[in-house]
Amino acid sequence: MRRRWVQCLAGLLAGGAMTVPLGPTTTQRAVDQMNATSMRGVTSPPVRQAPRQDMEWVPDRWIPAPGMPQGVFEPGHWVTHTPEGGRIAPPPPVPGALQGP
């Protein structure tokens, strides 16, 4: 009886050993994927063009306007200076329109 029990146990152990996967485990595959993606090169963004010499950045500001005690909000924008000394800028904001930063 004992011999039969030992044979049965040996058979179970041998069968259990056969079910162990011989390839990489799912955890190992996940680690390999993370390692592979962390070693990839990072794409670099395109080079930004420098503003032209005749352009000037004007930041956000509040401009005094008649009838508007707090002024009128003008968002940041680029102003172009002409060779004659003039300025080309977007149209000024309309007083009374919905304003805010």
PDB file of N, CA and C in Angstrom:
ATOM      1  N   MET A   1       0.824  -1.184   0.000  1.00  0.00           N
ATOM      2  CA  MET A   1       0.000   0.000   0.000  1.00  0.00           C
ATOM      3  C   MET A   1       0.880   1.265   0.000  1.00  0.00           C
ATOM      4  N   ARG A   2       1.905   1.204   0.846  1.00  0.00           N
ATOM      5  CA  ARG A   2       2.793   2.356   0.911  1.00  0.00           C
ATOM      6  C   ARG A   2       3.539   2.547  -0.403  1.00  0.00           C
ATOM      7  N   ARG A   3       3.926   1.463  -1.025  1.00  0.00           N
ATOM      8  CA  ARG A   3       4.639   1.557  -2.284  1.00  0.00           C
ATOM      9  C   ARG A   3       3.755   2.181  -3.367  1.00  0.00           C
ATOM     10  N   ARG A   4       2.500   1.802  -3.373  1.00  0.00           N
ATOM     11  CA  ARG A   4       1.568   2.352  -4.358  1.00  0.00           C
ATOM     12  C   ARG A   4       1.398   3.857  -4.112  1.00  0.00           C
ATOM     13  N   TRP A   5       1.346   4.251  -2.841  1.00  0.00           N
ATOM     14  CA  TRP A   5       1.185   5.666  -2.502  1.00  0.00           C
ATOM     15  C   TRP A   5       2.411   6.462  -2.957  1.00  0.00           C
ATOM     16  N   VAL A   6       3.600   5.916  -2.800  1.00  0.00           N
ATOM     17  CA  VAL A   6       4.835   6.573  -3.218  1.00  0.00           C
ATOM     18  C   VAL A   6       4.864   6.701  -4.742  1.00  0.00           C
ATOM     19  N   GLN A   7       4.426   5.648  -5.442  1.00  0.00           N
ATOM     20  CA  GLN A   7       4.398   5.706  -6.908  1.00  0.00           C
ATOM     21  C   GLN A   7       3.411   6.771  -7.396  1.00  0.00           C
ATOM     22  N   CYS A   8       2.279   6.844  -6.703  1.00  0.00           N
ATOM     23  CA  CYS A   8       1.262   7.839  -7.076  1.00  0.00           C
ATOM     24  C   CYS A   8       1.816   9.247  -6.840  1.00  0.00           C
ATOM     25  N   LEU A   9       2.477   9.449  -5.699  1.00  0.00           N
ATOM     26  CA  LEU A   9       3.062  10.751  -5.395  1.00  0.00           C
ATOM     27  C   LEU A   9       4.150  11.111  -6.401  1.00  0.00           C
ATOM     28  N   ALA A  10       4.985  10.133  -6.776  1.00  0.00           N
ATOM     29  CA  ALA A  10       6.035  10.383  -7.756  1.00  0.00           C
ATOM     30  C   ALA A  10       5.423  10.751  -9.104  1.00  0.00           C
ATOM     31  N   GLY A  11       4.344  10.110  -9.478  1.00  0.00           N
ATOM     32  CA  GLY A  11       3.661  10.417 -10.737  1.00  0.00           C
ATOM     33  C   GLY A  11       3.087  11.828 -10.720  1.00  0.00           C
ATOM     34  N   LEU A  12       2.501  12.231  -9.585  1.00  0.00           N
ATOM     35  CA  LEU A  12       1.954  13.583  -9.480  1.00  0.00           C
ATOM     36  C   LEU A  12       3.054  14.640  -9.570  1.00  0.00           C
ATOM     37  N   LEU A  13       4.160  14.392  -8.907  1.00  0.00           N
ATOM     38  CA  LEU A  13       5.271  15.331  -8.951  1.00  0.00           C
ATOM     39  C   LEU A  13       5.834  15.446 -10.366  1.00  0.00           C
ATOM     40  N   ALA A  14       5.977  14.321 -11.043  1.00  0.00           N
ATOM     41  CA  ALA A  14       6.486  14.325 -12.412  1.00  0.00           C
ATOM     42  C   ALA A  14       5.511  15.043 -13.339  1.00  0.00           C
ATOM     43  N   GLY A  15       4.225  14.815 -13.140  1.00  0.00           N
ATOM     44  CA  GLY A  15       3.216  15.487 -13.958  1.00  0.00           C
ATOM     45  C   GLY A  15       3.204  16.988 -13.681  1.00  0.00           C
ATOM     46  N   GLY A  16       3.382  17.368 -12.435  1.00  0.00           N
ATOM     47  CA  GLY A  16       3.423  18.787 -12.080  1.00  0.00           C
ATOM     48  C   GLY A  16       4.628  19.469 -12.683  1.00  0.00           C
ATOM     49  N   ALA A  17       5.749  18.762 -12.710  1.00  0.00           N
ATOM     50  CA  ALA A  17       6.955  19.342 -13.287  1.00  0.00           C
ATOM     51  C   ALA A  17       6.793  19.531 -14.792  1.00  0.00           C
ATOM     52  N   MET A  18       5.987  18.708 -15.429  1.00  0.00           N
ATOM     53  CA  MET A  18       5.789  18.821 -16.874  1.00  0.00           C
ATOM     54  C   MET A  18       4.914  20.029 -17.221  1.00  0.00           C
ATOM     55  N   THR A  19       4.084  20.492 -16.268  1.00  0.00           N
ATOM     56  CA  THR A  19       3.194  21.603 -16.575  1.00  0.00           C
ATOM     57  C   THR A  19       3.873  22.954 -16.405  1.00  0.00           C
ATOM     58  N   VAL A  20       5.077  23.015 -15.862  1.00  0.00           N
ATOM     59  CA  VAL A  20       5.798  24.275 -15.692  1.00  0.00           C
ATOM     60  C   VAL A  20       6.198  24.785 -17.072  1.00  0.00           C
ATOM     61  N   PRO A  21       5.853  26.031 -17.396  1.00  0.00           N
ATOM     62  CA  PRO A  21       6.214  26.546 -18.722  1.00  0.00           C
ATOM     63  C   PRO A  21       7.734  26.677 -18.853  1.00  0.00           C
ATOM     64  N   LEU A  22       8.210  26.291 -20.009  1.00  0.00           N
ATOM     65  CA  LEU A  22       9.650  26.349 -20.240  1.00  0.00           C
ATOM     66  C   LEU A  22      10.091  27.700 -20.794  1.00  0.00           C
ATOM     67  N   GLY A  23       9.164  28.475 -21.347  1.00  0.00           N
ATOM     68  CA  GLY A  23       9.495  29.788 -21.898  1.00  0.00           C
ATOM     69  C   GLY A  23       9.422  30.864 -20.824  1.00  0.00           C
ATOM     70  N   PRO A  24       9.566  32.105 -21.230  1.00  0.00           N
ATOM     71  CA  PRO A  24       9.498  33.190 -20.254  1.00  0.00           C
ATOM     72  C   PRO A  24       8.086  33.326 -19.684  1.00  0.00           C
ATOM     73  N   THR A  25       7.980  33.703 -18.439  1.00  0.00           N
ATOM     74  CA  THR A  25       6.679  33.882 -17.802  1.00  0.00           C
ATOM     75  C   THR A  25       6.048  35.180 -18.286  1.00  0.00           C
ATOM     76  N   THR A  26       4.771  35.354 -17.986  1.00  0.00           N
ATOM     77  CA  THR A  26       4.103  36.584 -18.407  1.00  0.00           C
ATOM     78  C   THR A  26       4.721  37.784 -17.696  1.00  0.00           C
ATOM     79  N   THR A  27       5.144  37.590 -16.455  1.00  0.00           N
ATOM     80  CA  THR A  27       5.799  38.682 -15.740  1.00  0.00           C
ATOM     81  C   THR A  27       7.117  39.043 -16.419  1.00  0.00           C
ATOM     82  N   GLN A  28       7.863  38.036 -16.808  1.00  0.00           N
ATOM     83  CA  GLN A  28       9.144  38.293 -17.467  1.00  0.00           C
ATOM     84  C   GLN A  28       8.940  38.982 -18.808  1.00  0.00           C
ATOM     85  N   ARG A  29       7.887  38.589 -19.526  1.00  0.00           N
ATOM     86  CA  ARG A  29       7.600  39.248 -20.801  1.00  0.00           C
ATOM     87  C   ARG A  29       7.237  40.707 -20.580  1.00  0.00           C
ATOM     88  N   ALA A  30       6.456  40.987 -19.512  1.00  0.00           N
ATOM     89  CA  ALA A  30       6.094  42.374 -19.218  1.00  0.00           C
ATOM     90  C   ALA A  30       7.338  43.191 -18.881  1.00  0.00           C
ATOM     91  N   VAL A  31       8.238  42.621 -18.103  1.00  0.00           N
ATOM     92  CA  VAL A  31       9.477  43.322 -17.754  1.00  0.00           C
ATOM     93  C   VAL A  31      10.312  43.547 -19.010  1.00  0.00           C
ATOM     94  N   ASP A  32      10.384  42.564 -19.880  1.00  0.00           N
ATOM     95  CA  ASP A  32      11.144  42.717 -21.122  1.00  0.00           C
ATOM     96  C   ASP A  32      10.558  43.838 -21.992  1.00  0.00           C
ATOM     97  N   GLN A  33       9.230  43.917 -22.058  1.00  0.00           N
ATOM     98  CA  GLN A  33       8.594  44.974 -22.849  1.00  0.00           C
ATOM     99  C   GLN A  33       8.897  46.349 -22.263  1.00  0.00           C
ATOM    100  N   MET A  34       8.833  46.465 -20.923  1.00  0.00           N
ATOM    101  CA  MET A  34       9.140  47.755 -20.295  1.00  0.00           C
ATOM    102  C   MET A  34      10.592  48.144 -20.549  1.00  0.00           C
ATOM    103  N   ASN A  35      11.482  47.189 -20.455  1.00  0.00           N
ATOM    104  CA  ASN A  35      12.891  47.482 -20.718  1.00  0.00           C
ATOM    105  C   ASN A  35      13.095  47.910 -22.167  1.00  0.00           C
ATOM    106  N   ALA A  36      12.428  47.232 -23.085  1.00  0.00           N
ATOM    107  CA  ALA A  36      12.585  47.561 -24.504  1.00  0.00           C
ATOM    108  C   ALA A  36      12.072  48.971 -24.796  1.00  0.00           C
ATOM    109  N   THR A  37      10.925  49.347 -24.221  1.00  0.00           N
ATOM    110  CA  THR A  37      10.396  50.684 -24.494  1.00  0.00           C
ATOM    111  C   THR A  37      11.205  51.763 -23.792  1.00  0.00           C
ATOM    112  N   SER A  38      11.812  51.446 -22.661  1.00  0.00           N
ATOM    113  CA  SER A  38      12.602  52.469 -21.967  1.00  0.00           C
ATOM    114  C   SER A  38      13.938  52.698 -22.662  1.00  0.00           C
ATOM    115  N   MET A  39      14.372  51.787 -23.493  1.00  0.00           N
ATOM    116  CA  MET A  39      15.653  51.935 -24.188  1.00  0.00           C
ATOM    117  C   MET A  39      15.495  52.606 -25.549  1.00  0.00           C
ATOM    118  N   ARG A  40      14.242  52.802 -25.994  1.00  0.00           N
ATOM    119  CA  ARG A  40      14.029  53.440 -27.288  1.00  0.00           C
ATOM    120  C   ARG A  40      14.415  54.903 -27.237  1.00  0.00           C
ATOM    121  N   GLY A  41      14.824  55.434 -28.354  1.00  0.00           N
ATOM    122  CA  GLY A  41      15.166  56.846 -28.430  1.00  0.00           C
ATOM    123  C   GLY A  41      13.921  57.718 -28.346  1.00  0.00           C
ATOM    124  N   VAL A  42      14.075  58.901 -27.834  1.00  0.00           N
ATOM    125  CA  VAL A  42      12.977  59.847 -27.720  1.00  0.00           C
ATOM    126  C   VAL A  42      13.033  60.775 -28.923  1.00  0.00           C
ATOM    127  N   THR A  43      11.882  60.969 -29.546  1.00  0.00           N
ATOM    128  CA  THR A  43      11.857  61.862 -30.701  1.00  0.00           C
ATOM    129  C   THR A  43      12.041  63.299 -30.219  1.00  0.00           C
ATOM    130  N   SER A  44      12.780  64.062 -30.958  1.00  0.00           N
ATOM    131  CA  SER A  44      13.005  65.449 -30.572  1.00  0.00           C
ATOM    132  C   SER A  44      12.008  66.340 -31.306  1.00  0.00           C
ATOM    133  N   PRO A  45      11.504  67.377 -30.636  1.00  0.00           N
ATOM    134  CA  PRO A  45      10.537  68.264 -31.290  1.00  0.00           C
ATOM    135  C   PRO A  45      11.214  69.081 -32.378  1.00  0.00           C
ATOM    136  N   PRO A  46      10.434  69.562 -33.342  1.00  0.00           N
ATOM    137  CA  PRO A  46      11.034  70.370 -34.400  1.00  0.00           C
ATOM    138  C   PRO A  46      11.594  71.673 -33.821  1.00  0.00           C
ATOM    139  N   VAL A  47      12.586  72.199 -34.469  1.00  0.00           N
ATOM    140  CA  VAL A  47      13.225  73.430 -34.027  1.00  0.00           C
ATOM    141  C   VAL A  47      12.274  74.598 -34.281  1.00  0.00           C
ATOM    142  N   ARG A  48      12.047  75.393 -33.238  1.00  0.00           N
ATOM    143  CA  ARG A  48      11.166  76.550 -33.388  1.00  0.00           C
ATOM    144  C   ARG A  48      11.898  77.666 -34.111  1.00  0.00           C
ATOM    145  N   GLN A  49      11.156  78.354 -34.955  1.00  0.00           N
ATOM    146  CA  GLN A  49      11.735  79.474 -35.690  1.00  0.00           C
ATOM    147  C   GLN A  49      11.857  80.674 -34.752  1.00  0.00           C
ATOM    148  N   ALA A  50      12.971  81.340 -34.799  1.00  0.00           N
ATOM    149  CA  ALA A  50      13.163  82.548 -33.996  1.00  0.00           C
ATOM    150  C   ALA A  50      12.316  83.664 -34.580  1.00  0.00           C
ATOM    151  N   PRO A  51      11.771  84.529 -33.725  1.00  0.00           N
ATOM    152  CA  PRO A  51      10.979  85.639 -34.269  1.00  0.00           C
ATOM    153  C   PRO A  51      11.865  86.565 -35.098  1.00  0.00           C
ATOM    154  N   ARG A  52      11.242  87.189 -36.068  1.00  0.00           N
ATOM    155  CA  ARG A  52      11.995  88.107 -36.914  1.00  0.00           C
ATOM    156  C   ARG A  52      12.466  89.296 -36.096  1.00  0.00           C
ATOM    157  N   GLN A  53      13.480  89.973 -36.584  1.00  0.00           N
ATOM    158  CA  GLN A  53      14.043  91.116 -35.871  1.00  0.00           C
ATOM    159  C   GLN A  53      13.065  92.291 -35.788  1.00  0.00           C
ATOM    160  N   ASP A  54      12.131  92.359 -36.744  1.00  0.00           N
ATOM    161  CA  ASP A  54      11.201  93.483 -36.741  1.00  0.00           C
ATOM    162  C   ASP A  54       9.925  93.192 -35.941  1.00  0.00           C
ATOM    163  N   MET A  55       9.907  92.095 -35.174  1.00  0.00           N
ATOM    164  CA  MET A  55       8.731  91.736 -34.393  1.00  0.00           C
ATOM    165  C   MET A  55       9.015  91.882 -32.902  1.00  0.00           C
ATOM    166  N   GLU A  56       8.003  92.298 -32.158  1.00  0.00           N
ATOM    167  CA  GLU A  56       8.125  92.505 -30.717  1.00  0.00           C
ATOM    168  C   GLU A  56       6.916  91.859 -30.040  1.00  0.00           C
ATOM    169  N   TRP A  57       7.136  91.112 -28.950  1.00  0.00           N
ATOM    170  CA  TRP A  57       6.051  90.482 -28.201  1.00  0.00           C
ATOM    171  C   TRP A  57       5.514  91.474 -27.173  1.00  0.00           C
ATOM    172  N   VAL A  58       4.200  91.662 -27.185  1.00  0.00           N
ATOM    173  CA  VAL A  58       3.536  92.515 -26.200  1.00  0.00           C
ATOM    174  C   VAL A  58       2.723  91.585 -25.303  1.00  0.00           C
ATOM    175  N   PRO A  59       3.030  91.519 -24.004  1.00  0.00           N
ATOM    176  CA  PRO A  59       2.305  90.604 -23.115  1.00  0.00           C
ATOM    177  C   PRO A  59       0.877  91.070 -22.832  1.00  0.00           C
ATOM    178  N   ASP A  60       0.099  90.193 -22.154  1.00  0.00           N
ATOM    179  CA  ASP A  60      -1.253  90.562 -21.746  1.00  0.00           C
ATOM    180  C   ASP A  60      -1.210  91.862 -20.950  1.00  0.00           C
ATOM    181  N   ARG A  61      -2.232  92.699 -21.154  1.00  0.00           N
ATOM    182  CA  ARG A  61      -2.261  93.950 -20.412  1.00  0.00           C
ATOM    183  C   ARG A  61      -3.678  94.513 -20.394  1.00  0.00           C
ATOM    184  N   TRP A  62      -3.899  95.437 -19.470  1.00  0.00           N
ATOM    185  CA  TRP A  62      -5.167  96.166 -19.371  1.00  0.00           C
ATOM    186  C   TRP A  62      -4.926  97.573 -19.903  1.00  0.00           C
ATOM    187  N   ILE A  63      -5.734  97.998 -20.863  1.00  0.00           N
ATOM    188  CA  ILE A  63      -5.575  99.298 -21.513  1.00  0.00           C
ATOM    189  C   ILE A  63      -6.698 100.214 -21.028  1.00  0.00           C
ATOM    190  N   PRO A  64      -6.368 101.430 -20.616  1.00  0.00           N
ATOM    191  CA  PRO A  64      -7.445 102.349 -20.213  1.00  0.00           C
ATOM    192  C   PRO A  64      -8.334 102.697 -21.402  1.00  0.00           C
ATOM    193  N   ALA A  65      -9.624 102.768 -21.120  1.00  0.00           N
ATOM    194  CA  ALA A  65     -10.579 103.114 -22.177  1.00  0.00           C
ATOM    195  C   ALA A  65     -11.663 103.995 -21.571  1.00  0.00           C
ATOM    196  N   PRO A  66     -12.198 104.946 -22.340  1.00  0.00           N
ATOM    197  CA  PRO A  66     -13.253 105.813 -21.813  1.00  0.00           C
ATOM    198  C   PRO A  66     -14.503 104.997 -21.458  1.00  0.00           C
ATOM    199  N   GLY A  67     -15.046 105.287 -20.294  1.00  0.00           N
ATOM    200  CA  GLY A  67     -16.262 104.591 -19.860  1.00  0.00           C
ATOM    201  C   GLY A  67     -15.996 103.236 -19.250  1.00  0.00           C
ATOM    202  N   MET A  68     -14.756 102.816 -19.194  1.00  0.00           N
ATOM    203  CA  MET A  68     -14.404 101.515 -18.608  1.00  0.00           C
ATOM    204  C   MET A  68     -13.386 101.774 -17.494  1.00  0.00           C
ATOM    205  N   PRO A  69     -13.844 101.891 -16.245  1.00  0.00           N
ATOM    206  CA  PRO A  69     -12.909 102.241 -15.172  1.00  0.00           C
ATOM    207  C   PRO A  69     -11.797 101.207 -14.966  1.00  0.00           C
ATOM    208  N   GLN A  70     -12.079  99.945 -15.175  1.00  0.00           N
ATOM    209  CA  GLN A  70     -11.037  98.928 -14.987  1.00  0.00           C
ATOM    210  C   GLN A  70     -10.170  98.757 -16.232  1.00  0.00           C
ATOM    211  N   GLY A  71     -10.551  99.353 -17.334  1.00  0.00           N
ATOM    212  CA  GLY A  71      -9.798  99.232 -18.571  1.00  0.00           C
ATOM    213  C   GLY A  71     -10.308  98.087 -19.424  1.00  0.00           C
ATOM    214  N   VAL A  72      -9.636  97.853 -20.518  1.00  0.00           N
ATOM    215  CA  VAL A  72      -9.999  96.784 -21.458  1.00  0.00           C
ATOM    216  C   VAL A  72      -8.828  95.816 -21.533  1.00  0.00           C
ATOM    217  N   PHE A  73      -9.130  94.521 -21.437  1.00  0.00           N
ATOM    218  CA  PHE A  73      -8.077  93.502 -21.492  1.00  0.00           C
ATOM    219  C   PHE A  73      -7.620  93.291 -22.928  1.00  0.00           C
ATOM    220  N   GLU A  74      -6.304  93.342 -23.146  1.00  0.00           N
ATOM    221  CA  GLU A  74      -5.730  93.067 -24.458  1.00  0.00           C
ATOM    222  C   GLU A  74      -4.798  91.860 -24.307  1.00  0.00           C
ATOM    223  N   PRO A  75      -5.115  90.736 -24.957  1.00  0.00           N
ATOM    224  CA  PRO A  75      -4.257  89.558 -24.810  1.00  0.00           C
ATOM    225  C   PRO A  75      -2.898  89.763 -25.482  1.00  0.00           C
ATOM    226  N   GLY A  76      -1.923  88.967 -25.078  1.00  0.00           N
ATOM    227  CA  GLY A  76      -0.586  89.051 -25.656  1.00  0.00           C
ATOM    228  C   GLY A  76      -0.597  88.842 -27.161  1.00  0.00           C
ATOM    229  N   HIS A  77       0.300  89.544 -27.852  1.00  0.00           N
ATOM    230  CA  HIS A  77       0.338  89.453 -29.315  1.00  0.00           C
ATOM    231  C   HIS A  77       1.698  89.942 -29.819  1.00  0.00           C
ATOM    232  N   TRP A  78       1.947  89.668 -31.090  1.00  0.00           N
ATOM    233  CA  TRP A  78       3.163  90.147 -31.754  1.00  0.00           C
ATOM    234  C   TRP A  78       2.857  91.445 -32.477  1.00  0.00           C
ATOM    235  N   VAL A  79       3.780  92.393 -32.405  1.00  0.00           N
ATOM    236  CA  VAL A  79       3.673  93.656 -33.131  1.00  0.00           C
ATOM    237  C   VAL A  79       4.845  93.710 -34.107  1.00  0.00           C
ATOM    238  N   THR A  80       4.550  94.077 -35.356  1.00  0.00           N
ATOM    239  CA  THR A  80       5.587  94.196 -36.378  1.00  0.00           C
ATOM    240  C   THR A  80       5.905  95.667 -36.580  1.00  0.00           C
ATOM    241  N   HIS A  81       7.191  95.997 -36.567  1.00  0.00           N
ATOM    242  CA  HIS A  81       7.633  97.369 -36.808  1.00  0.00           C
ATOM    243  C   HIS A  81       8.023  97.493 -38.284  1.00  0.00           C
ATOM    244  N   THR A  82       7.467  98.496 -38.955  1.00  0.00           N
ATOM    245  CA  THR A  82       7.767  98.707 -40.369  1.00  0.00           C
ATOM    246  C   THR A  82       9.049  99.533 -40.506  1.00  0.00           C
ATOM    247  N   PRO A  83       9.699  99.483 -41.663  1.00  0.00           N
ATOM    248  CA  PRO A  83      10.918 100.277 -41.865  1.00  0.00           C
ATOM    249  C   PRO A  83      10.679 101.784 -41.707  1.00  0.00           C
ATOM    250  N   GLU A  84       9.451 102.230 -41.958  1.00  0.00           N
ATOM    251  CA  GLU A  84       9.153 103.659 -41.836  1.00  0.00           C
ATOM    252  C   GLU A  84       8.931 104.082 -40.390  1.00  0.00           C
ATOM    253  N   GLY A  85       8.932 103.129 -39.459  1.00  0.00           N
ATOM    254  CA  GLY A  85       8.718 103.454 -38.054  1.00  0.00           C
ATOM    255  C   GLY A  85       7.304 103.190 -37.577  1.00  0.00           C
ATOM    256  N   GLY A  86       6.454 102.676 -38.442  1.00  0.00           N
ATOM    257  CA  GLY A  86       5.075 102.362 -38.045  1.00  0.00           C
ATOM    258  C   GLY A  86       4.990 101.020 -37.322  1.00  0.00           C
ATOM    259  N   ARG A  87       3.815 100.739 -36.813  1.00  0.00           N
ATOM    260  CA  ARG A  87       3.583  99.464 -36.121  1.00  0.00           C
ATOM    261  C   ARG A  87       2.387  98.768 -36.741  1.00  0.00           C
ATOM    262  N   ILE A  88       2.495  97.475 -36.935  1.00  0.00           N
ATOM    263  CA  ILE A  88       1.384  96.668 -37.419  1.00  0.00           C
ATOM    264  C   ILE A  88       1.007  95.755 -36.263  1.00  0.00           C
ATOM    265  N   ALA A  89      -0.222  95.909 -35.754  1.00  0.00           N
ATOM    266  CA  ALA A  89      -0.699  95.139 -34.603  1.00  0.00           C
ATOM    267  C   ALA A  89      -2.134  94.705 -34.865  1.00  0.00           C
ATOM    268  N   PRO A  90      -2.624  93.708 -34.114  1.00  0.00           N
ATOM    269  CA  PRO A  90      -4.026  93.326 -34.279  1.00  0.00           C
ATOM    270  C   PRO A  90      -4.938  94.473 -33.833  1.00  0.00           C
ATOM    271  N   PRO A  91      -6.180  94.476 -34.278  1.00  0.00           N
ATOM    272  CA  PRO A  91      -7.081  95.565 -33.896  1.00  0.00           C
ATOM    273  C   PRO A  91      -7.263  95.599 -32.374  1.00  0.00           C
ATOM    274  N   PRO A  92      -7.430  96.777 -31.802  1.00  0.00           N
ATOM    275  CA  PRO A  92      -7.613  96.884 -30.356  1.00  0.00           C
ATOM    276  C   PRO A  92      -8.946  96.264 -29.940  1.00  0.00           C
ATOM    277  N   PRO A  93      -9.055  95.844 -28.678  1.00  0.00           N
ATOM    278  CA  PRO A  93     -10.316  95.248 -28.227  1.00  0.00           C
ATOM    279  C   PRO A  93     -11.418  96.301 -28.171  1.00  0.00           C
ATOM    280  N   VAL A  94     -12.661  95.838 -28.290  1.00  0.00           N
ATOM    281  CA  VAL A  94     -13.817  96.721 -28.294  1.00  0.00           C
ATOM    282  C   VAL A  94     -14.276  96.913 -26.853  1.00  0.00           C
ATOM    283  N   PRO A  95     -14.358  98.171 -26.364  1.00  0.00           N
ATOM    284  CA  PRO A  95     -14.891  98.387 -25.020  1.00  0.00           C
ATOM    285  C   PRO A  95     -16.357  97.965 -24.963  1.00  0.00           C
ATOM    286  N   GLY A  96     -16.743  97.323 -23.880  1.00  0.00           N
ATOM    287  CA  GLY A  96     -18.122  96.864 -23.724  1.00  0.00           C
ATOM    288  C   GLY A  96     -18.306  95.410 -24.124  1.00  0.00           C
ATOM    289  N   ALA A  97     -17.369  94.847 -24.883  1.00  0.00           N
ATOM    290  CA  ALA A  97     -17.473  93.422 -25.242  1.00  0.00           C
ATOM    291  C   ALA A  97     -17.050  92.608 -24.022  1.00  0.00           C
ATOM    292  N   LEU A  98     -17.399  91.343 -24.016  1.00  0.00           N
ATOM    293  CA  LEU A  98     -16.999  90.486 -22.891  1.00  0.00           C
ATOM    294  C   LEU A  98     -15.486  90.445 -22.820  1.00  0.00           C
ATOM    295  N   GLN A  99     -14.954  90.795 -21.671  1.00  0.00           N
ATOM    296  CA  GLN A  99     -13.504  90.884 -21.507  1.00  0.00           C
ATOM    297  C   GLN A  99     -13.060  89.941 -20.396  1.00  0.00           C
ATOM    298  N   GLY A 100     -11.809  89.585 -20.414  1.00  0.00           N
ATOM    299  CA  GLY A 100     -11.238  88.795 -19.336  1.00  0.00           C
ATOM    300  C   GLY A 100     -10.040  88.028 -19.789  1.00  0.00           C
ATOM    301  N   PRO A 101      -9.159  87.750 -18.842  1.00  0.00           N
ATOM    302  CA  PRO A 101      -7.957  86.973 -19.204  1.00  0.00           C
ATOM    303  C   PRO A 101      -8.266  85.515 -19.375  1.00  0.00           C
TER     304      PRO A 101
END
